[in-house]
């Protein structure tokens, strides 16, 4: 029987337009731009200089602190510059630009055409070696949070972990990058899960997949060996099923306390694509230099799932799916519920880029907000059991202390409240404002 969480949530049209599009590797670009801050924490520190020659997979920026992640080049070539570039959100960020010569490009393509060769036996690698490989490979959470994976797997003293939860729910409408990966490389995902289990010292792992992906469930189950301790668990199609706290409850019936972490209830959560990245790093010695990205939209001629080098131009991916020839009102990086709308697509794919959603003009405008009618629908769908209308109002009025008391910090920003509101009120926008304001107050003390 499919499981789910017990508080709130909404039923959404899944709109998985690219669900039947097999993962397609794009050609290597001649040029990549690699922002240094592609993860939560301190931006990576460059270890190359303009004019240096680099090879595919070489580290070009190292982790700058405990919570940071190294960065590697997906192509061979020359470092053209290290400087500021404009990112998708309109901010100037430091980045490394690398450009390939024709010779570099040809050598990379020839090397990629050869089968991957294992450099380590997954059965003989130690927990410390796994952690070192994950850290050196620059792996971060590929579900969108981009928290450095080596930090997550290095469990603090006093926390007793007994279960690994693999997040394969992919509950955001339109996104199918994880689905495509589960169909294309289930073996790599299972090996990655086994390696993470060894790194954590646990014997139990559960992989949660929403039941609108029966082919992915069967694909993973067919690669689980008897006695491995890994169980594939179907989940009800419900948003936000992939939220960390919601997923933990659905899989284990444990509740993470307010202000707490999964480790407080004996659990570590890793995204399914992150597990596969661990396999690639530990077994094959390949750092995180590519990821699967869904390019989709209601009017897009060719929704697809692309295996993309980090640093690949977003506008070129849009062109590949025919996006240049359709009317577009809004472009969202990520899913429609938690993604961010952008104006500039002359930006690179980053480690956290799960999808590119092109919405037509008739789906791109918010309705005019009207007064709250106190219907409490936002309360009924909040997966954290909060009162979104109240927190939003307190935040809008600048009553930060009261917003904190009402639980603003517990909001996971899933957007269910704004989605369900019959008055089209920007509930989540003001809650985000309240969260930012509360952080400023804490820093000022």
Protein backbone atom coordinates (compact mmCIF):
# COMPACT_ATOMS: atom_id res chain seq x y z
CA UNK A 1 0.00 0.00 0.00
CA UNK A 2 1.34 3.45 -0.97
CA UNK A 3 2.39 5.63 1.95
CA UNK A 4 2.17 9.36 2.52
CA UNK A 5 2.54 12.05 5.19
CA UNK A 6 -0.29 12.83 7.57
CA UNK A 7 -0.69 16.62 7.67
CA UNK A 8 -1.85 18.82 4.80
CA UNK A 9 -0.64 18.55 1.24
CA UNK A 10 -2.35 19.18 -2.10
CA UNK A 11 -3.24 17.16 -5.16
CA UNK A 12 -1.69 18.66 -8.27
CA UNK A 13 -1.83 17.74 -11.93
CA UNK A 14 1.52 16.06 -12.45
CA UNK A 15 2.01 17.46 -16.00
CA UNK A 16 4.89 15.04 -16.57
CA UNK A 17 5.16 15.90 -20.26
CA UNK A 18 8.68 14.48 -20.53
CA UNK A 19 8.00 11.29 -18.55
CA UNK A 20 8.49 9.06 -21.59
CA UNK A 21 11.56 10.88 -22.88
CA UNK A 22 14.64 8.74 -22.32
CA UNK A 23 17.68 10.46 -20.85
CA UNK A 24 19.61 12.07 -23.71
CA UNK A 25 23.24 13.11 -23.41
CA UNK A 26 23.95 16.49 -25.00
CA UNK A 27 27.16 17.14 -26.85
CA UNK A 28 30.06 18.63 -24.94
CA UNK A 29 30.16 22.42 -25.33
CA UNK A 30 33.24 24.30 -26.45
CA UNK A 31 32.84 26.72 -23.53
CA UNK A 32 31.53 26.47 -19.98
CA UNK A 33 30.97 28.99 -17.21
CA UNK A 34 31.29 27.61 -13.68
CA UNK A 35 29.94 29.80 -10.84
CA UNK A 36 31.84 29.18 -7.62
CA UNK A 37 28.78 29.21 -5.35
CA UNK A 38 26.71 26.28 -6.65
CA UNK A 39 25.92 24.97 -3.19
CA UNK A 40 24.83 25.97 0.29
CA UNK A 41 27.81 27.36 2.20
CA UNK A 42 30.98 29.20 1.28
CA UNK A 43 31.74 29.54 -2.46
CA UNK A 44 34.56 27.33 -3.72
CA UNK A 45 38.06 28.85 -3.91
CA UNK A 46 39.77 28.82 -7.36
CA UNK A 47 42.91 26.70 -7.64
CA UNK A 48 43.59 27.68 -11.27
CA UNK A 49 44.40 30.99 -12.93
CA UNK A 50 43.60 32.58 -16.27
CA UNK A 51 45.72 30.93 -18.96
CA UNK A 52 45.98 27.56 -17.19
CA UNK A 53 45.24 24.40 -19.15
CA UNK A 54 42.81 21.98 -17.50
CA UNK A 55 41.52 18.53 -18.38
CA UNK A 56 38.03 17.09 -18.11
CA UNK A 57 37.26 16.19 -14.47
CA UNK A 58 40.06 18.33 -13.01
CA UNK A 59 39.35 20.28 -9.83
CA UNK A 60 39.33 23.99 -10.65
CA UNK A 61 38.05 25.29 -7.30
CA UNK A 62 38.33 23.68 -3.87
CA UNK A 63 35.96 23.70 -0.92
CA UNK A 64 36.62 26.90 1.01
CA UNK A 65 35.25 25.78 4.38
CA UNK A 66 33.64 22.83 6.12
CA UNK A 67 30.31 23.65 4.47
CA UNK A 68 31.43 24.08 0.88
CA UNK A 69 32.00 21.94 -2.22
CA UNK A 70 34.75 21.62 -4.80
CA UNK A 71 34.14 22.36 -8.46
CA UNK A 72 35.46 20.43 -11.47
CA UNK A 73 35.67 21.19 -15.17
CA UNK A 74 33.43 19.11 -17.47
CA UNK A 75 35.67 19.89 -20.46
CA UNK A 76 39.36 20.11 -21.27
CA UNK A 77 40.61 23.53 -22.32
CA UNK A 78 42.06 26.86 -21.27
CA UNK A 79 40.90 28.96 -18.33
CA UNK A 80 39.91 32.18 -20.10
CA UNK A 81 38.88 34.22 -17.09
CA UNK A 82 37.93 34.25 -13.43
CA UNK A 83 35.58 37.06 -12.65
CA UNK A 84 32.03 38.26 -12.18
CA UNK A 85 29.13 37.03 -14.30
CA UNK A 86 25.39 37.68 -14.03
CA UNK A 87 23.46 34.68 -12.69
CA UNK A 88 19.86 33.65 -13.36
CA UNK A 89 18.57 35.70 -10.40
CA UNK A 90 20.25 38.87 -11.60
CA UNK A 91 23.16 38.90 -9.15
CA UNK A 92 26.84 39.20 -10.07
CA UNK A 93 28.73 36.11 -8.91
CA UNK A 94 32.30 34.95 -9.35
CA UNK A 95 32.80 32.26 -11.96
CA UNK A 96 35.47 30.44 -13.94
CA UNK A 97 35.21 30.46 -17.74
CA UNK A 98 36.87 27.58 -19.61
CA UNK A 99 37.12 27.25 -23.38
CA UNK A 100 38.17 24.16 -25.34
CA UNK A 101 40.37 24.05 -28.42
CA UNK A 102 39.37 21.82 -31.33
CA UNK A 103 42.00 19.33 -30.18
CA UNK A 104 40.73 19.35 -26.58
CA UNK A 105 37.18 18.89 -27.79
CA UNK A 106 38.06 15.94 -30.01
CA UNK A 107 40.02 14.19 -27.25
CA UNK A 108 37.15 14.64 -24.76
CA UNK A 109 34.61 13.21 -27.18
CA UNK A 110 36.83 10.22 -27.93
CA UNK A 111 37.38 9.50 -24.23
CA UNK A 112 33.64 9.73 -23.52
CA UNK A 113 32.87 7.18 -26.23
CA UNK A 114 34.80 4.52 -24.30
CA UNK A 115 33.04 2.41 -21.62
CA UNK A 116 33.43 3.52 -18.03
CA UNK A 117 36.01 1.47 -16.13
CA UNK A 118 35.69 0.87 -12.40
CA UNK A 119 38.63 2.17 -10.39
CA UNK A 120 37.43 0.75 -7.07
CA UNK A 121 35.62 -2.37 -5.91
CA UNK A 122 32.50 -1.18 -4.11
CA UNK A 123 32.73 -4.15 -1.76
CA UNK A 124 36.24 -3.36 -0.52
CA UNK A 125 36.07 0.41 -0.08
CA UNK A 126 35.95 1.70 3.50
CA UNK A 127 33.58 4.27 5.01
CA UNK A 128 36.40 6.81 5.29
CA UNK A 129 37.35 6.26 1.65
CA UNK A 130 33.73 6.81 0.57
CA UNK A 131 33.53 10.07 2.51
CA UNK A 132 36.84 11.24 1.02
CA UNK A 133 35.67 10.43 -2.53
CA UNK A 134 32.36 12.25 -2.01
CA UNK A 135 34.17 15.30 -0.63
CA UNK A 136 36.76 15.37 -3.43
CA UNK A 137 34.06 14.90 -6.10
CA UNK A 138 32.19 18.03 -5.04
CA UNK A 139 28.89 16.20 -4.65
CA UNK A 140 25.94 18.20 -3.35
CA UNK A 141 22.25 17.45 -2.94
CA UNK A 142 20.85 17.24 -6.47
CA UNK A 143 17.22 17.52 -5.43
CA UNK A 144 17.54 21.29 -5.29
CA UNK A 145 18.90 22.03 -1.81
CA UNK A 146 22.58 21.65 -2.90
CA UNK A 147 23.81 20.95 0.64
CA UNK A 148 27.33 19.44 0.45
CA UNK A 149 26.86 15.67 0.68
CA UNK A 150 30.13 14.99 2.50
CA UNK A 151 28.95 17.22 5.35
CA UNK A 152 25.59 15.43 5.51
CA UNK A 153 27.26 12.01 5.66
CA UNK A 154 29.70 13.10 8.37
CA UNK A 155 27.17 12.66 11.17
CA UNK A 156 27.86 14.70 14.34
CA UNK A 157 28.87 12.82 17.50
CA UNK A 158 25.92 11.75 19.60
CA UNK A 159 23.58 11.23 16.65
CA UNK A 160 22.71 7.57 16.13
CA UNK A 161 21.69 6.96 12.52
CA UNK A 162 19.92 3.68 11.72
CA UNK A 163 18.12 4.41 8.43
CA UNK A 164 18.99 5.91 5.07
CA UNK A 165 16.09 7.44 3.15
CA UNK A 166 16.54 7.95 -0.59
CA UNK A 167 14.25 10.66 -1.97
CA UNK A 168 12.94 9.59 -5.38
CA UNK A 169 9.46 11.08 -4.96
CA UNK A 170 9.88 13.87 -7.55
CA UNK A 171 6.54 15.41 -6.57
CA UNK A 172 7.02 18.75 -8.38
CA UNK A 173 4.79 19.00 -11.47
CA UNK A 174 6.57 18.85 -14.84
CA UNK A 175 9.95 17.63 -13.53
CA UNK A 176 11.05 14.14 -14.66
CA UNK A 177 14.85 14.26 -14.35
CA UNK A 178 14.91 11.77 -11.46
CA UNK A 179 12.40 9.53 -13.22
CA UNK A 180 14.60 9.42 -16.31
CA UNK A 181 17.64 8.60 -14.20
CA UNK A 182 15.84 5.74 -12.42
CA UNK A 183 15.04 4.19 -15.79
CA UNK A 184 18.46 4.75 -17.35
CA UNK A 185 20.79 3.76 -14.50
CA UNK A 186 18.98 1.91 -11.69
CA UNK A 187 22.12 -0.13 -10.99
CA UNK A 188 24.15 3.01 -10.34
CA UNK A 189 21.49 4.30 -7.96
CA UNK A 190 21.40 1.07 -5.96
CA UNK A 191 25.21 0.89 -5.79
CA UNK A 192 25.24 4.51 -4.63
CA UNK A 193 22.69 3.69 -1.93
CA UNK A 194 24.84 0.77 -0.74
CA UNK A 195 27.90 3.02 -0.57
CA UNK A 196 26.04 5.69 1.42
CA UNK A 197 24.79 2.97 3.79
CA UNK A 198 28.37 1.85 4.35
CA UNK A 199 29.54 5.45 4.91
CA UNK A 200 26.81 5.90 7.54
CA UNK A 201 27.27 2.45 9.08
CA UNK A 202 23.59 1.51 8.65
CA UNK A 203 22.00 -1.69 7.38
CA UNK A 204 18.59 -0.30 6.35
CA UNK A 205 17.65 1.93 3.43
CA UNK A 206 14.26 2.85 1.96
CA UNK A 207 13.80 4.43 -1.45
CA UNK A 208 10.51 6.32 -1.79
CA UNK A 209 9.00 6.71 -5.28
CA UNK A 210 5.59 8.24 -6.00
CA UNK A 211 3.20 5.68 -7.47
CA UNK A 212 2.73 7.66 -10.69
CA UNK A 213 6.09 6.17 -11.71
CA UNK A 214 5.45 2.39 -11.67
CA UNK A 215 8.14 1.76 -14.28
CA UNK A 216 10.74 3.45 -12.06
CA UNK A 217 9.62 1.40 -9.04
CA UNK A 218 10.00 -1.83 -11.01
CA UNK A 219 13.31 -0.68 -12.51
CA UNK A 220 14.83 -0.12 -9.07
CA UNK A 221 13.35 -3.28 -7.54
CA UNK A 222 14.87 -5.40 -10.27
CA UNK A 223 18.35 -4.28 -9.19
CA UNK A 224 17.99 -4.76 -5.43
CA UNK A 225 19.78 -7.88 -4.25
CA UNK A 226 18.13 -10.07 -1.57
CA UNK A 227 19.53 -9.27 1.86
CA UNK A 228 20.85 -5.86 0.82
CA UNK A 229 18.67 -4.05 3.36
CA UNK A 230 17.26 -1.80 0.62
CA UNK A 231 13.47 -1.56 0.18
CA UNK A 232 11.62 0.29 -2.59
CA UNK A 233 8.50 1.95 -1.13
CA UNK A 234 5.64 3.32 -3.30
CA UNK A 235 4.33 6.70 -2.16
CA UNK A 236 0.97 8.31 -2.83
CA UNK A 237 1.01 11.03 -5.45
CA UNK A 238 0.71 14.05 -3.20
CA UNK A 239 2.57 17.34 -2.93
CA UNK A 240 4.99 18.00 -1.20
CA UNK A 241 5.73 14.29 -0.81
CA UNK A 242 9.43 14.95 -1.44
CA UNK A 243 9.75 17.41 1.43
CA UNK A 244 12.37 16.04 3.80
CA UNK A 245 10.21 15.94 6.93
CA UNK A 246 7.16 14.71 4.99
CA UNK A 247 9.19 11.94 3.36
CA UNK A 248 10.70 10.81 6.65
CA UNK A 249 7.25 10.50 8.22
CA UNK A 250 5.85 8.63 5.22
CA UNK A 251 8.73 6.16 5.22
CA UNK A 252 9.47 5.69 8.93
CA UNK A 253 6.55 7.27 10.86
CA UNK A 254 9.10 9.39 12.72
CA UNK A 255 8.52 13.12 13.18
CA UNK A 256 11.43 15.56 13.01
CA UNK A 257 10.87 18.12 15.79
CA UNK A 258 10.53 21.83 15.15
CA UNK A 259 14.00 23.25 14.60
CA UNK A 260 15.42 19.74 14.38
CA UNK A 261 17.24 17.75 11.73
CA UNK A 262 16.65 14.26 10.29
CA UNK A 263 19.63 13.02 12.31
CA UNK A 264 17.64 13.81 15.47
CA UNK A 265 15.33 10.90 14.60
CA UNK A 266 18.07 8.57 13.33
CA UNK A 267 17.69 9.31 9.62
CA UNK A 268 19.79 10.73 6.79
CA UNK A 269 18.01 11.73 3.56
CA UNK A 270 19.76 11.71 0.17
CA UNK A 271 18.26 12.47 -3.23
CA UNK A 272 18.19 9.62 -5.76
CA UNK A 273 20.43 11.52 -8.22
CA UNK A 274 22.86 12.24 -5.40
CA UNK A 275 23.08 8.51 -4.65
CA UNK A 276 23.96 7.84 -8.27
CA UNK A 277 26.60 10.62 -8.16
CA UNK A 278 28.17 8.84 -5.16
CA UNK A 279 28.43 5.66 -7.24
CA UNK A 280 30.07 7.56 -10.11
CA UNK A 281 32.59 9.17 -7.77
CA UNK A 282 33.52 6.16 -5.66
CA UNK A 283 33.42 3.36 -8.22
CA UNK A 284 34.40 5.21 -11.40
CA UNK A 285 36.35 8.17 -10.05
CA UNK A 286 34.14 10.71 -11.83
CA UNK A 287 33.46 13.97 -9.96
CA UNK A 288 30.15 15.80 -10.24
CA UNK A 289 30.53 17.33 -13.70
CA UNK A 290 27.11 16.58 -15.19
CA UNK A 291 23.50 16.13 -14.17
CA UNK A 292 20.07 15.38 -15.68
CA UNK A 293 17.93 18.43 -16.48
CA UNK A 294 14.27 18.40 -17.57
CA UNK A 295 13.35 20.95 -20.24
CA UNK A 296 9.57 21.16 -20.49
CA UNK A 297 6.47 23.29 -20.91
CA UNK A 298 2.83 23.05 -22.10
CA UNK A 299 3.60 24.44 -25.58
CA UNK A 300 7.14 23.13 -25.96
CA UNK A 301 7.50 20.99 -29.11
CA UNK A 302 9.95 18.54 -27.56
CA UNK A 303 9.97 18.15 -23.76
CA UNK A 304 13.06 16.15 -22.84
CA UNK A 305 15.47 14.97 -20.15
CA UNK A 306 19.06 15.88 -20.94
CA UNK A 307 22.27 14.66 -19.33
CA UNK A 308 24.07 17.99 -19.25
CA UNK A 309 27.63 19.09 -18.38
CA UNK A 310 27.70 21.56 -15.50
CA UNK A 311 28.28 25.00 -17.03
CA UNK A 312 26.29 24.26 -20.22
CA UNK A 313 24.30 27.27 -21.52
CA UNK A 314 20.63 27.22 -20.45
CA UNK A 315 19.51 29.02 -23.61
CA UNK A 316 21.04 26.27 -25.78
CA UNK A 317 19.07 23.61 -23.89
CA UNK A 318 15.89 25.59 -24.50
CA UNK A 319 16.72 25.73 -28.21
CA UNK A 320 17.23 21.96 -28.35
CA UNK A 321 13.65 21.43 -27.23
CA UNK A 322 12.23 23.97 -29.68
CA UNK A 323 11.75 26.73 -27.14
CA UNK A 324 12.87 29.46 -29.53
CA UNK A 325 9.73 28.99 -31.63
CA UNK A 326 6.98 29.15 -28.99
CA UNK A 327 5.45 32.12 -27.15
CA UNK A 328 6.83 32.29 -23.63
CA UNK A 329 5.46 34.37 -20.77
CA UNK A 330 7.70 33.07 -18.00
CA UNK A 331 10.74 30.82 -17.67
CA UNK A 332 11.19 28.98 -14.38
CA UNK A 333 14.36 27.25 -13.26
CA UNK A 334 13.07 24.26 -11.30
CA UNK A 335 9.43 23.27 -10.88
CA UNK A 336 6.37 25.55 -10.84
CA UNK A 337 5.87 25.27 -7.07
CA UNK A 338 9.36 25.89 -5.70
CA UNK A 339 11.34 27.06 -8.72
CA UNK A 340 12.44 30.62 -9.45
CA UNK A 341 11.27 32.68 -12.43
CA UNK A 342 14.11 34.24 -14.41
CA UNK A 343 14.46 36.73 -17.24
CA UNK A 344 18.00 35.98 -18.30
CA UNK A 345 18.64 32.56 -19.86
CA UNK A 346 22.21 33.35 -20.89
CA UNK A 347 23.34 31.55 -17.75
CA UNK A 348 24.93 28.14 -17.11
CA UNK A 349 23.40 24.93 -15.83
CA UNK A 350 24.47 24.50 -12.21
CA UNK A 351 24.58 21.51 -9.87
CA UNK A 352 21.14 22.39 -8.51
CA UNK A 353 19.47 22.87 -11.91
CA UNK A 354 16.75 20.22 -11.99
CA UNK A 355 14.57 21.69 -14.70
CA UNK A 356 13.78 24.51 -17.10
CA UNK A 357 10.04 25.21 -17.40
CA UNK A 358 8.66 27.42 -20.18
CA UNK A 359 5.18 28.73 -19.41
CA UNK A 360 3.04 30.35 -22.10
CA UNK A 361 1.69 33.90 -21.57
CA UNK A 362 -1.76 32.72 -20.49
CA UNK A 363 -0.21 30.75 -17.61
CA UNK A 364 2.30 33.36 -16.53
CA UNK A 365 0.31 36.01 -14.69
CA UNK A 366 -0.92 36.07 -11.12
CA UNK A 367 -4.51 36.91 -10.42
CA UNK A 368 -5.18 40.18 -8.62
CA UNK A 369 -5.01 39.58 -4.83
CA UNK A 370 -8.24 40.05 -2.94
CA UNK A 371 -8.96 40.34 0.81
CA UNK A 372 -8.53 37.21 2.90
CA UNK A 373 -11.91 35.54 3.48
CA UNK A 374 -10.69 33.54 6.50
CA UNK A 375 -11.54 30.23 4.82
CA UNK A 376 -8.52 28.47 6.42
CA UNK A 377 -7.75 26.49 3.26
CA UNK A 378 -4.09 27.46 3.62
CA UNK A 379 -4.14 25.95 7.11
CA UNK A 380 -5.69 22.71 5.89
CA UNK A 381 -3.01 22.14 3.22
CA UNK A 382 0.08 23.26 5.15
CA UNK A 383 2.26 20.14 5.50
CA UNK A 384 3.94 21.63 8.56
CA UNK A 385 0.69 22.26 10.45
CA UNK A 386 1.20 26.03 10.48
CA UNK A 387 -1.21 28.94 10.04
CA UNK A 388 0.13 30.47 6.81
CA UNK A 389 -2.40 33.32 6.66
CA UNK A 390 -1.33 34.47 10.13
CA UNK A 391 2.42 34.16 9.54
CA UNK A 392 2.07 35.96 6.21
CA UNK A 393 0.14 38.84 7.76
CA UNK A 394 2.55 39.23 10.68
CA UNK A 395 5.50 39.21 8.25
CA UNK A 396 3.83 41.77 5.97
CA UNK A 397 3.26 44.08 8.95
CA UNK A 398 6.87 43.74 10.11
CA UNK A 399 5.92 41.99 13.37
CA UNK A 400 8.90 39.68 13.07
CA UNK A 401 8.96 38.45 16.66
CA UNK A 402 5.35 37.36 16.48
CA UNK A 403 5.97 35.68 13.12
CA UNK A 404 8.80 33.72 14.70
CA UNK A 405 6.54 32.68 17.57
CA UNK A 406 3.95 31.54 15.00
CA UNK A 407 6.52 29.23 13.38
CA UNK A 408 7.83 31.15 10.36
CA UNK A 409 11.14 29.27 10.56
CA UNK A 410 9.34 25.92 10.17
CA UNK A 411 7.89 26.85 6.77
CA UNK A 412 9.41 24.69 4.01
CA UNK A 413 8.30 27.16 1.30
CA UNK A 414 6.39 24.51 -0.66
CA UNK A 415 3.84 27.05 -1.88
CA UNK A 416 0.77 24.95 -1.09
CA UNK A 417 -0.82 27.88 0.75
CA UNK A 418 -0.53 30.31 -2.16
CA UNK A 419 -1.68 27.63 -4.59
CA UNK A 420 -4.89 26.87 -2.69
CA UNK A 421 -5.84 30.44 -1.73
CA UNK A 422 -9.18 31.43 -3.37
CA UNK A 423 -8.26 35.09 -2.93
CA UNK A 424 -4.96 34.71 -4.82
CA UNK A 425 -3.03 36.22 -1.95
CA UNK A 426 0.80 36.07 -2.14
CA UNK A 427 0.98 34.19 1.14
CA UNK A 428 4.35 32.54 0.57
CA UNK A 429 5.97 35.76 -0.66
CA UNK A 430 5.35 37.47 2.67
CA UNK A 431 6.36 34.37 4.63
CA UNK A 432 9.70 34.38 2.81
CA UNK A 433 10.03 38.05 3.67
CA UNK A 434 9.37 37.20 7.29
CA UNK A 435 12.01 34.47 7.28
CA UNK A 436 14.59 36.83 5.82
CA UNK A 437 13.68 39.51 8.35
CA UNK A 438 14.03 37.07 11.25
CA UNK A 439 17.47 36.02 10.03
CA UNK A 440 18.58 39.66 9.88
CA UNK A 441 17.38 40.18 13.45
CA UNK A 442 19.32 37.14 14.67
CA UNK A 443 22.51 38.30 12.92
CA UNK A 444 22.24 41.78 14.39
CA UNK A 445 22.18 40.47 17.97
